[in-house]
């Protein structure tokens, strides 16, 4: 077996409209397709970055909570590469998104920081 690439990341949110606004208006992801699945009372929003399909955002009635801090068991975080971390932090701040203090990756010497989506999912920005 040979994998070609990661096809997508699926995220279940607690407040669909709030999360849709965050991923589209704050992070700037592009809507590929939005569907309401009546039988499941669920939205599915397909999102792209620079034309490449990357995230499926789902809503379900009363989804169970899951630990999501970076050191919790399971998927650690979602990371986006940026050209300029300070510029990206300022853009997030201007949209009222709080980021953690910038850190330096001890293995690559690159700058990175974290912020959270509306449900507390850790999101990283990592300088190219």
Foldseek 3Di string as FASTA:
>chain_A
DDDDDDQEAEEEDADVVQLVCCVCVQVNWAWPDWDQDVVQRKIWTFTHDPPGTYYIYMYGPPDDDDDADQPDPDDRAAEDEDADVVVSCVSNVVVVWDKDDWDADPVPRWIKIWTAGPNRHIYMYTHD
